[in-house]
Amino acid sequence: MDTAHGLLLTRGAWRWDARQPQLFRLHGYLQFHNTTNKREIFIPEVTASIILLSRGSLDSIQATVKVTPHHDQGNSYPAADSRPRQDGYWSGYILKAECFTVIEVTVLAWQTG
């Protein structure tokens, strides 16, 4: 009997690429782990959102978040196209039992006015 829980997303490793008064860029590399010992898990879509918190007004601040798959850095099935798509489309992915895949999350925030 398969008693493992399923899909686990790690906190990952994060780093600042830019940290200036008008521009912040943060990158994180996270892993999806299939914790089952017999079942494949299909990851049809991954999206992320951001909520900015501040003591002051955020009216002049814009922010985006982007998720990029890096299946070639995992240990599951080889990706049909190992390079991420430029248009940001997430291709559905099958994660083998007891395997992982890698995603990159990029957060960009900037002042507009």
Foldseek 3Di string as FASTA:
>chain_A
DWDWDFKDKDPFDKDWPDDDPFKTKMKGKIKIWGATAADKDKDADDDDDDDDDDPDDCPQKDKDKAKWWQQVPKDADQDPDRHTDPVRDDHMDIGGHGIMTMMMMMMMMGGHD
